[in-house]
Amino acid sequence: MIDAIETFAELLRQNGVRVSTGEVIDAARAVAAVGVDRAQDVRAALAAALVKRAGDRAAFDELFDLYFLRGAALASRGSPLVDALRAAGIPGDAIEHIVAHLATEAAHLGAVARVGLGLRAPAVSPLVRAAGLQGDLDRMVSPLQAGFFAHRVAQALDLRGAQADIDAVLARLVGSAQGLSPEVIERLRAFAAANLDALRRAIRDYVQDEFRRRNLDYLDQVAARTLADKPLAQLTDREVAELRAEVARLARILRARVQLAPKRRRRGRLDVRKTLRGSLATGGVPVSLELRHRPRKKPRLVVLCDVSDSVRTVSRFMLQFVYALQELFDRVHTFAFVAELGELTDLFRRHDLDRAVELTYQGAVVNVYANSNYGHVLDQFCARHMSKVTPRTTVLVIGDGRNNYHPSNHAALGDIRRRAKQLWWLNPEAPSAWGFGDSAMREYAPHCDRVVVAHNLDSLRKVVDELVM
């Protein structure tokens, strides 16, 4: 019996069940204690000694039936092979004869080959887990990759090798003294080929299901990314409404990143002086390290936002970003302008975002139907609000720089830049359009630290990301 137990232990190892030499000795002692008269006692004794994980019990029971019982349990309780033979009208005693011959051989085959022979259910998930392929599926980023990853899984499970093993088993059984007839062998060969084809399809379905399970909102994410890349000037009213929700989501992500950043900086830098001073109490041995923390100061922000028709969509989304993230700044002053300059700070304080933007575009602060006059607006800002600009302030101008042929007054923009920490300009127009017609951007750009072409939501997100981090 010890030889049989050793062979059975090796079969378990081949099927991913960890069995040590000491456990084989324990198994032999357990079987000797219970005797070999009753199969259920032998099964229980071997399981107690050899199965350590609940996930290994199914493989243990399957191999026990094949190796020790020669498939008798399969013939009685059913399996895909038994069900197929019964459906073909083969008598019960003939089925037992077929299964008994296959079971002896199948006990030495891999799990995939046993699936092909129909001696176990074609469940894909246990096969994938046993082969260690679950983590590989984490790399899928699109449902279009399902075929590629299904092929990788099929290769890793070695379906071709399983077919070769099945062919070898069937060849050994042909013409043997107590073997199977050529007609039965051919039927089994066709059945195995159909099973492996079905397993390939099941693998593809499994991979697709795994992607859907891990990416329940994939289509929503794709739609959001597509809209985020679409030029803002081309958005329909429905798409604008959809992007408003996406802006809110992006703002939450940015806010969370900024709030987590201090935790990453919490360790601080080594303070050598304090560390050495503290070591005096321990004989010069620095038992504890003293760290120096430099508190992060929140930036200040001044926003000058063109609310004329030509840049309305860009301004609307940027205002939403600023409104959603204003607690990340020490101070935020927001201004709207067309031909005149008006402050929005109090309006946004008294109303929610949607109402504040609605009032802005209804002309609550400035006449939105006038012609843009950047030069006059810059004059007004310098005369009335320059005190709001400090060396900690980032000034953000949002507009296309089209001045309706009025004087650009670019020197005023230079005065603002000299007082500020930095000055950024967001322009929805491409640089190739600057300087043509009534565009004054080529005069304004030299006074800016950065001029960003903000023609879609993704470009706006990147700007906000840099401002708050």
Protein backbone atom coordinates (compact mmCIF):
# COMPACT_ATOMS: atom_id res chain seq x y z
CA MET A 1 0.00 0.00 0.00
CA ILE A 2 2.90 2.35 0.68
CA ASP A 3 3.86 2.26 -3.03
CA ALA A 4 0.32 3.22 -4.01
CA ILE A 5 0.29 6.07 -1.50
CA GLU A 6 3.66 7.34 -2.79
CA THR A 7 2.38 7.25 -6.38
CA PHE A 8 -0.82 9.01 -5.33
CA ALA A 9 1.19 11.70 -3.52
CA GLU A 10 3.22 12.28 -6.68
CA LEU A 11 -0.02 12.66 -8.67
CA LEU A 12 -1.18 15.25 -6.16
CA ARG A 13 2.09 17.17 -6.57
CA GLN A 14 1.68 17.12 -10.36
CA ASN A 15 -1.70 18.74 -9.89
CA GLY A 16 -0.53 21.57 -7.68
CA VAL A 17 -1.13 20.03 -4.24
CA ARG A 18 1.85 20.42 -1.92
CA VAL A 19 2.79 17.14 -0.25
CA SER A 20 5.91 16.59 1.84
CA THR A 21 7.70 13.30 2.53
CA GLY A 22 6.66 13.46 6.17
CA GLU A 23 3.02 13.80 5.14
CA VAL A 24 3.32 10.70 2.95
CA ILE A 25 4.60 8.77 5.98
CA ASP A 26 1.71 10.14 8.07
CA ALA A 27 -0.73 9.09 5.33
CA ALA A 28 0.63 5.53 5.33
CA ARG A 29 0.24 5.35 9.13
CA ALA A 30 -3.29 6.75 8.94
CA VAL A 31 -4.35 4.17 6.32
CA ALA A 32 -2.77 1.37 8.38
CA ALA A 33 -4.80 2.58 11.38
CA VAL A 34 -8.19 2.60 9.61
CA GLY A 35 -7.61 -0.34 7.29
CA VAL A 36 -8.33 -0.68 3.59
CA ASP A 37 -11.66 -2.46 3.73
CA ARG A 38 -13.80 0.68 3.22
CA ALA A 39 -12.94 3.23 0.52
CA GLN A 40 -14.46 6.11 2.49
CA ASP A 41 -12.16 5.37 5.44
CA VAL A 42 -9.10 5.34 3.19
CA ARG A 43 -10.24 8.59 1.57
CA ALA A 44 -10.72 10.28 4.96
CA ALA A 45 -7.35 9.07 6.27
CA LEU A 46 -5.44 10.23 3.21
CA ALA A 47 -7.26 13.58 3.14
CA ALA A 48 -6.46 14.21 6.81
CA ALA A 49 -2.76 13.62 6.16
CA LEU A 50 -2.29 15.14 2.70
CA VAL A 51 -4.79 18.01 2.27
CA LYS A 52 -3.85 21.22 4.06
CA ARG A 53 -5.86 23.78 2.08
CA ALA A 54 -9.58 23.71 1.40
CA GLY A 55 -8.91 24.63 -2.22
CA ASP A 56 -6.97 21.35 -2.72
CA ARG A 57 -9.82 19.07 -1.67
CA ALA A 58 -11.47 19.00 -5.11
CA ALA A 59 -8.24 17.85 -6.80
CA PHE A 60 -7.69 15.26 -4.06
CA ASP A 61 -11.19 13.76 -4.47
CA GLU A 62 -10.91 13.69 -8.26
CA LEU A 63 -7.55 11.92 -8.22
CA PHE A 64 -8.65 9.53 -5.47
CA ASP A 65 -11.63 8.43 -7.59
CA LEU A 66 -9.45 7.94 -10.67
CA TYR A 67 -6.50 6.24 -9.02
CA PHE A 68 -7.98 4.11 -6.26
CA LEU A 69 -11.54 3.53 -7.50
CA ARG A 70 -10.69 3.45 -11.23
CA GLY A 71 -13.52 5.85 -11.99
CA ALA A 72 -16.26 3.81 -10.32
CA ALA A 73 -17.55 6.92 -8.54
CA LEU A 74 -17.65 8.80 -11.85
CA ALA A 75 -19.71 6.08 -13.48
CA SER A 76 -22.19 6.17 -10.63
CA ARG A 77 -22.55 9.89 -9.95
CA GLY A 78 -21.87 11.12 -13.50
CA SER A 79 -19.35 13.26 -15.36
CA PRO A 80 -19.34 14.94 -18.80
CA LEU A 81 -18.00 11.71 -20.32
CA VAL A 82 -20.54 9.50 -18.56
CA ASP A 83 -23.37 11.84 -19.52
CA ALA A 84 -22.25 11.80 -23.17
CA LEU A 85 -21.99 8.01 -23.26
CA ARG A 86 -25.42 7.66 -21.72
CA ALA A 87 -26.84 10.10 -24.26
CA ALA A 88 -25.32 7.98 -27.03
CA GLY A 89 -27.28 4.96 -25.76
CA ILE A 90 -24.32 2.98 -24.44
CA PRO A 91 -25.34 0.51 -21.72
CA GLY A 92 -24.32 1.08 -18.11
CA ASP A 93 -21.93 -1.90 -17.87
CA ALA A 94 -20.14 -0.73 -21.03
CA ILE A 95 -19.84 2.76 -19.56
CA GLU A 96 -18.24 1.34 -16.41
CA HIS A 97 -15.83 -0.65 -18.60
CA ILE A 98 -14.84 2.48 -20.61
CA VAL A 99 -14.46 4.71 -17.55
CA ALA A 100 -12.43 2.09 -15.68
CA HIS A 101 -9.90 1.82 -18.52
CA LEU A 102 -9.65 5.60 -18.92
CA ALA A 103 -9.41 6.30 -15.21
CA THR A 104 -6.20 4.34 -14.70
CA GLU A 105 -4.53 6.31 -17.47
CA ALA A 106 -6.20 9.64 -16.66
CA ALA A 107 -4.91 9.67 -13.09
CA HIS A 108 -1.46 10.34 -14.56
CA LEU A 109 -2.67 13.17 -16.84
CA GLY A 110 -2.91 16.87 -16.15
CA ALA A 111 -6.15 18.62 -15.27
CA VAL A 112 -6.65 19.99 -18.80
CA ALA A 113 -6.32 16.52 -20.35
CA ARG A 114 -8.85 15.16 -17.87
CA VAL A 115 -11.21 17.94 -18.94
CA GLY A 116 -10.70 16.87 -22.54
CA LEU A 117 -11.55 13.27 -21.70
CA GLY A 118 -14.67 14.46 -19.89
CA LEU A 119 -13.56 13.07 -16.54
CA ARG A 120 -13.95 16.45 -14.83
CA ALA A 121 -16.17 19.48 -15.34
CA PRO A 122 -14.74 22.12 -17.72
CA ALA A 123 -14.52 24.87 -15.07
CA VAL A 124 -12.05 27.49 -16.30
CA SER A 125 -11.57 29.48 -13.10
CA PRO A 126 -9.86 26.68 -11.09
CA LEU A 127 -7.58 25.91 -14.03
CA VAL A 128 -6.55 29.58 -14.35
CA ARG A 129 -5.92 29.90 -10.61
CA ALA A 130 -3.96 26.64 -10.47
CA ALA A 131 -1.75 27.82 -13.33
CA GLY A 132 -1.07 31.12 -11.56
CA LEU A 133 -2.53 33.16 -14.44
CA GLN A 134 -5.02 35.27 -12.48
CA GLY A 135 -2.59 38.17 -12.05
CA ASP A 136 -1.78 38.18 -15.76
CA LEU A 137 -5.36 39.25 -16.52
CA ASP A 138 -4.84 42.43 -14.47
CA ARG A 139 -2.85 43.80 -17.40
CA MET A 140 -5.89 43.98 -19.68
CA VAL A 141 -6.85 47.57 -20.41
CA SER A 142 -9.39 47.04 -23.21
CA PRO A 143 -11.98 44.40 -24.13
CA LEU A 144 -10.30 44.27 -27.55
CA GLN A 145 -7.42 42.45 -25.85
CA ALA A 146 -9.63 39.54 -24.76
CA GLY A 147 -8.57 37.37 -27.72
CA PHE A 148 -4.87 37.98 -27.06
CA PHE A 149 -5.12 37.20 -23.35
CA ALA A 150 -7.34 34.18 -23.99
CA HIS A 151 -4.66 32.86 -26.35
CA ARG A 152 -2.01 33.43 -23.65
CA VAL A 153 -4.11 31.51 -21.12
CA ALA A 154 -4.65 28.65 -23.59
CA GLN A 155 -0.90 28.52 -24.25
CA ALA A 156 -0.10 28.52 -20.54
CA LEU A 157 -2.59 25.72 -19.92
CA ASP A 158 -0.98 23.84 -22.85
CA LEU A 159 -4.12 22.71 -24.63
CA ARG A 160 -2.03 21.26 -27.46
CA GLY A 161 -0.03 19.21 -24.99
CA ALA A 162 -3.28 17.99 -23.42
CA GLN A 163 -4.51 16.86 -26.87
CA ALA A 164 -1.26 14.97 -27.44
CA ASP A 165 -1.57 13.28 -24.03
CA ILE A 166 -5.13 12.22 -24.82
CA ASP A 167 -4.11 10.83 -28.20
CA ALA A 168 -1.32 8.83 -26.52
CA VAL A 169 -3.74 7.39 -23.94
CA LEU A 170 -6.25 6.37 -26.56
CA ALA A 171 -3.52 4.83 -28.72
CA ARG A 172 -2.39 2.64 -25.80
CA LEU A 173 -5.94 1.42 -25.25
CA VAL A 174 -6.52 0.38 -28.89
CA GLY A 175 -6.22 -3.35 -29.41
CA SER A 176 -5.03 -4.14 -25.88
CA ALA A 177 -6.17 -7.44 -24.46
CA GLN A 178 -8.90 -5.90 -22.34
CA GLY A 179 -8.93 -2.51 -24.07
CA LEU A 180 -11.59 -0.61 -25.99
CA SER A 181 -12.81 -1.20 -29.50
CA PRO A 182 -11.65 1.08 -32.34
CA GLU A 183 -15.21 2.45 -32.65
CA VAL A 184 -15.25 3.54 -29.00
CA ILE A 185 -11.75 5.00 -29.31
CA GLU A 186 -12.81 7.15 -32.30
CA ARG A 187 -15.90 8.31 -30.45
CA LEU A 188 -13.74 9.24 -27.44
CA ARG A 189 -11.24 11.04 -29.69
CA ALA A 190 -14.00 13.16 -31.28
CA PHE A 191 -15.52 13.80 -27.86
CA ALA A 192 -12.14 14.96 -26.48
CA ALA A 193 -11.52 17.27 -29.45
CA ALA A 194 -14.97 18.83 -28.98
CA ASN A 195 -14.30 19.24 -25.25
CA LEU A 196 -11.01 21.05 -25.84
CA ASP A 197 -12.64 23.34 -28.43
CA ALA A 198 -15.36 24.11 -25.91
CA LEU A 199 -12.65 24.79 -23.31
CA ARG A 200 -11.01 27.32 -25.67
CA ARG A 201 -14.33 29.12 -26.05
CA ALA A 202 -14.90 28.97 -22.31
CA ILE A 203 -11.45 30.51 -21.73
CA ARG A 204 -12.31 33.43 -24.02
CA ASP A 205 -15.66 33.92 -22.27
CA TYR A 206 -13.91 33.76 -18.91
CA VAL A 207 -11.36 36.40 -19.94
CA GLN A 208 -14.11 38.70 -21.22
CA ASP A 209 -16.12 38.21 -18.03
CA GLU A 210 -13.04 38.96 -15.92
CA PHE A 211 -12.48 42.22 -17.77
CA ARG A 212 -16.11 43.25 -17.33
CA ARG A 213 -15.99 42.33 -13.64
CA ARG A 214 -12.88 44.42 -13.05
CA ASN A 215 -13.99 47.32 -15.26
CA LEU A 216 -17.69 47.73 -14.64
CA ASP A 217 -17.57 51.38 -15.72
CA TYR A 218 -15.26 50.84 -18.71
CA LEU A 219 -17.67 52.27 -21.26
CA ASP A 220 -18.29 55.29 -19.05
CA GLN A 221 -14.53 55.76 -18.69
CA VAL A 222 -14.01 55.52 -22.45
CA ALA A 223 -16.81 58.00 -23.09
CA ALA A 224 -15.37 60.40 -20.52
CA ARG A 225 -11.87 60.12 -22.00
CA THR A 226 -13.26 60.70 -25.50
CA LEU A 227 -15.10 63.80 -24.37
CA ALA A 228 -12.07 64.98 -22.41
CA ASP A 229 -10.04 64.93 -25.65
CA LYS A 230 -12.72 66.60 -27.77
CA PRO A 231 -12.22 70.33 -28.47
CA LEU A 232 -14.42 72.29 -26.10
CA ALA A 233 -15.65 74.54 -28.90
CA GLN A 234 -17.19 71.50 -30.61
CA LEU A 235 -19.13 70.16 -27.62
CA THR A 236 -22.90 69.88 -27.83
CA ASP A 237 -25.10 71.00 -24.93
CA ARG A 238 -25.56 67.37 -23.89
CA GLU A 239 -21.80 66.74 -23.92
CA VAL A 240 -21.19 69.91 -21.89
CA ALA A 241 -23.61 68.58 -19.27
CA GLU A 242 -21.79 65.22 -19.23
CA LEU A 243 -18.40 66.88 -18.85
CA ARG A 244 -19.60 68.90 -15.89
CA ALA A 245 -19.92 65.64 -13.96
CA GLU A 246 -16.47 64.58 -15.18
CA VAL A 247 -14.98 67.89 -14.01
CA ALA A 248 -16.47 67.29 -10.56
CA ARG A 249 -14.93 63.80 -10.48
CA LEU A 250 -11.50 65.06 -11.55
CA ALA A 251 -11.67 67.81 -8.95
CA ARG A 252 -12.35 65.23 -6.22
CA ILE A 253 -9.32 63.20 -7.35
CA LEU A 254 -7.05 66.26 -7.38
CA ARG A 255 -8.33 67.35 -3.98
CA ALA A 256 -7.61 63.91 -2.52
CA ARG A 257 -4.09 63.90 -4.01
CA VAL A 258 -3.26 67.27 -2.49
CA GLN A 259 -4.65 66.27 0.91
CA LEU A 260 -2.56 63.08 0.87
CA ALA A 261 0.64 64.88 -0.12
CA PRO A 262 1.45 66.14 3.43
CA LYS A 263 1.37 62.54 4.67
CA ARG A 264 4.08 61.67 2.17
CA ARG A 265 6.12 64.65 3.36
CA ARG A 266 5.51 63.95 7.05
CA ARG A 267 8.91 62.40 7.71
CA GLY A 268 10.69 65.65 6.91
CA ARG A 269 14.45 66.18 6.53
CA LEU A 270 17.15 65.26 9.03
CA ASP A 271 17.89 68.08 11.50
CA VAL A 272 21.58 67.47 12.26
CA ARG A 273 21.81 70.08 15.05
CA LYS A 274 18.88 68.77 17.04
CA THR A 275 19.99 65.18 16.53
CA LEU A 276 23.50 65.85 17.85
CA ARG A 277 22.17 67.93 20.74
CA GLY A 278 19.84 65.11 21.76
CA SER A 279 22.67 62.56 21.55
CA LEU A 280 24.53 64.30 24.41
CA ALA A 281 22.19 62.62 26.89
CA THR A 282 23.14 59.18 25.54
CA GLY A 283 26.89 59.52 25.43
CA GLY A 284 27.01 60.95 21.93
CA VAL A 285 25.05 58.08 20.42
CA PRO A 286 22.13 59.43 18.33
CA VAL A 287 19.40 57.14 19.63
CA SER A 288 16.62 59.13 17.96
CA LEU A 289 16.75 61.17 14.78
CA GLU A 290 15.28 64.65 14.85
CA LEU A 291 13.53 65.76 11.70
CA ARG A 292 12.93 69.24 10.38
CA HIS A 293 9.51 69.93 8.91
CA ARG A 294 8.85 72.75 6.53
CA PRO A 295 5.10 73.45 6.42
CA ARG A 296 3.67 73.71 2.94
CA LYS A 297 2.12 77.08 2.30
CA LYS A 298 -1.01 77.10 0.22
CA PRO A 299 -0.71 79.08 -3.00
CA ARG A 300 -2.81 82.16 -3.71
CA LEU A 301 -4.71 82.50 -6.95
CA VAL A 302 -6.08 85.38 -9.01
CA VAL A 303 -8.17 84.38 -12.03
CA LEU A 304 -9.00 86.76 -14.88
CA CYS A 305 -11.63 85.06 -16.99
CA ASP A 306 -12.88 86.19 -20.40
CA VAL A 307 -16.61 85.39 -20.47
CA SER A 308 -17.30 86.47 -24.04
CA ASP A 309 -18.90 83.96 -26.42
CA SER A 310 -15.63 82.93 -28.08
CA VAL A 311 -14.20 81.35 -24.92
CA ARG A 312 -17.32 80.73 -22.86
CA THR A 313 -17.01 76.94 -22.65
CA VAL A 314 -13.35 77.02 -21.61
CA SER A 315 -14.08 79.68 -18.99
CA ARG A 316 -17.05 77.77 -17.65
CA PHE A 317 -15.08 74.58 -17.00
CA MET A 318 -12.09 76.43 -15.57
CA LEU A 319 -14.37 78.29 -13.18
CA GLN A 320 -15.83 74.96 -12.09
CA PHE A 321 -12.34 73.61 -11.38
CA VAL A 322 -11.39 76.72 -9.38
CA TYR A 323 -14.68 76.67 -7.47
CA ALA A 324 -14.32 72.97 -6.58
CA LEU A 325 -10.69 73.33 -5.45
CA GLN A 326 -10.77 76.71 -3.75
CA GLU A 327 -10.09 75.24 -0.29
CA LEU A 328 -6.68 74.13 -1.59
CA PHE A 329 -5.64 77.77 -2.03
CA ASP A 330 -4.96 80.31 0.68
CA ARG A 331 -6.92 82.97 -1.17
CA VAL A 332 -8.80 82.96 -4.46
CA HIS A 333 -9.94 86.10 -6.27
CA THR A 334 -11.92 85.54 -9.44
CA PHE A 335 -12.69 88.20 -12.04
CA ALA A 336 -14.81 88.13 -15.20
CA PHE A 337 -14.29 90.49 -18.08
CA VAL A 338 -15.31 91.37 -21.61
CA ALA A 339 -14.90 95.10 -22.16
CA GLU A 340 -15.02 95.81 -18.41
CA LEU A 341 -13.67 93.98 -15.36
CA GLY A 342 -15.92 92.69 -12.59
CA GLU A 343 -15.11 90.58 -9.50
CA LEU A 344 -16.90 87.25 -9.05
CA THR A 345 -15.47 86.34 -5.63
CA ASP A 346 -18.54 87.43 -3.62
CA LEU A 347 -20.93 86.02 -6.21
CA PHE A 348 -19.33 82.57 -5.88
CA ARG A 349 -19.37 82.89 -2.10
CA ARG A 350 -23.11 83.61 -1.97
CA HIS A 351 -24.28 81.07 -4.57
CA ASP A 352 -23.54 77.53 -5.62
CA LEU A 353 -21.47 77.02 -8.75
CA ASP A 354 -24.30 76.56 -11.26
CA ARG A 355 -26.20 79.59 -10.06
CA ALA A 356 -23.07 81.75 -9.90
CA VAL A 357 -22.07 80.84 -13.46
CA GLU A 358 -25.63 81.40 -14.67
CA LEU A 359 -25.69 84.86 -13.10
CA THR A 360 -22.26 85.65 -14.58
CA TYR A 361 -23.41 84.86 -18.11
CA GLN A 362 -26.63 86.77 -17.55
CA GLY A 363 -24.54 89.91 -17.03
CA ALA A 364 -24.74 90.20 -13.22
CA VAL A 365 -21.14 91.46 -13.05
CA VAL A 366 -20.17 92.69 -16.54
CA ASN A 367 -21.91 93.24 -19.86
CA VAL A 368 -21.33 89.93 -21.63
CA TYR A 369 -22.58 91.28 -24.98
CA ALA A 370 -19.87 93.94 -25.33
CA ASN A 371 -16.77 93.59 -27.51
CA SER A 372 -13.63 92.35 -25.75
CA ASN A 373 -11.10 94.99 -24.70
CA TYR A 374 -8.15 93.37 -22.96
CA GLY A 375 -6.13 96.58 -22.76
CA HIS A 376 -8.83 98.44 -20.85
CA VAL A 377 -9.43 95.43 -18.55
CA LEU A 378 -5.73 95.26 -17.65
CA ASP A 379 -5.76 98.98 -16.87
CA GLN A 380 -8.75 98.52 -14.54
CA PHE A 381 -7.12 95.59 -12.75
CA CYS A 382 -3.86 97.49 -12.16
CA ALA A 383 -5.74 100.53 -10.86
CA ARG A 384 -8.22 98.73 -8.58
CA HIS A 385 -6.94 95.27 -7.63
CA MET A 386 -3.15 95.19 -7.84
CA SER A 387 -2.97 94.85 -4.04
CA LYS A 388 -4.40 91.32 -4.39
CA VAL A 389 -1.25 90.23 -6.22
CA THR A 390 1.67 89.23 -3.95
CA PRO A 391 4.86 87.19 -4.37
CA ARG A 392 2.79 84.12 -3.34
CA THR A 393 0.13 84.72 -6.00
CA THR A 394 -0.33 82.85 -9.25
CA VAL A 395 -2.22 84.95 -11.79
CA LEU A 396 -4.22 82.92 -14.29
CA VAL A 397 -5.65 84.61 -17.40
CA ILE A 398 -8.21 82.68 -19.43
CA GLY A 399 -8.96 84.10 -22.87
CA ASP A 400 -8.17 84.04 -26.57
CA GLY A 401 -6.39 87.41 -26.55
CA ARG A 402 -8.59 88.79 -29.33
CA ASN A 403 -8.79 92.49 -28.56
CA ASN A 404 -11.06 93.85 -31.34
CA TYR A 405 -8.15 96.02 -32.52
CA HIS A 406 -8.04 98.04 -29.27
CA PRO A 407 -4.62 98.91 -27.81
CA SER A 408 -3.20 95.77 -26.17
CA ASN A 409 -1.68 97.61 -23.15
CA HIS A 410 0.70 94.66 -22.76
CA ALA A 411 2.92 96.71 -20.42
CA ALA A 412 0.18 96.47 -17.76
CA LEU A 413 0.39 92.69 -18.00
CA GLY A 414 4.14 93.02 -17.42
CA ASP A 415 3.45 95.07 -14.25
CA ILE A 416 1.19 92.30 -12.96
CA ARG A 417 3.81 89.66 -13.69
CA ARG A 418 6.52 91.52 -11.78
CA ARG A 419 4.39 91.51 -8.62
CA ALA A 420 3.21 87.89 -8.90
CA LYS A 421 4.90 84.59 -8.22
CA GLN A 422 3.98 83.47 -11.73
CA LEU A 423 1.57 84.34 -14.54
CA TRP A 424 -0.09 81.73 -16.71
CA TRP A 425 -2.32 82.27 -19.71
CA LEU A 426 -4.83 79.68 -20.95
CA ASN A 427 -5.78 80.17 -24.58
CA PRO A 428 -8.15 77.87 -26.50
CA GLU A 429 -6.59 78.93 -29.82
CA ALA A 430 -3.56 77.23 -31.35
CA PRO A 431 -0.34 79.29 -31.59
CA SER A 432 -0.68 79.31 -35.38
CA ALA A 433 -3.67 81.67 -34.97
CA TRP A 434 -1.89 84.13 -32.69
CA GLY A 435 -1.07 87.49 -34.23
CA PHE A 436 -3.61 87.17 -37.02
CA GLY A 437 -6.64 89.44 -37.21
CA ASP A 438 -7.36 91.12 -33.88
CA SER A 439 -5.26 88.64 -31.83
CA ALA A 440 -2.80 90.36 -29.47
CA MET A 441 -1.36 87.12 -28.06
CA ARG A 442 2.09 87.68 -29.54
CA GLU A 443 2.30 90.87 -27.45
CA TYR A 444 0.98 89.24 -24.26
CA ALA A 445 2.89 85.94 -24.42
CA PRO A 446 6.38 87.37 -23.58
CA HIS A 447 5.05 88.56 -20.20
CA CYS A 448 3.77 85.07 -19.26
CA ASP A 449 5.65 82.30 -17.50
CA ARG A 450 3.54 79.83 -19.41
CA VAL A 451 1.01 80.03 -22.21
CA VAL A 452 -1.06 76.84 -22.38
CA VAL A 453 -3.23 75.86 -25.31
CA ALA A 454 -6.33 74.78 -23.37
CA HIS A 455 -8.62 73.46 -26.08
CA ASN A 456 -10.06 70.42 -24.25
CA LEU A 457 -10.86 69.22 -20.76
CA ASP A 458 -7.70 67.14 -20.46
CA SER A 459 -5.49 70.18 -21.01
CA LEU A 460 -7.47 72.11 -18.38
CA ARG A 461 -7.02 69.23 -15.93
CA LYS A 462 -3.25 69.23 -16.41
CA VAL A 463 -3.09 72.97 -15.74
CA VAL A 464 -5.11 72.65 -12.53
CA ASP A 465 -3.00 69.66 -11.47
CA GLU A 466 0.19 71.74 -11.74
CA LEU A 467 -1.37 74.70 -9.95
CA VAL A 468 -2.46 72.83 -6.85
CA MET A 469 0.45 70.36 -6.41
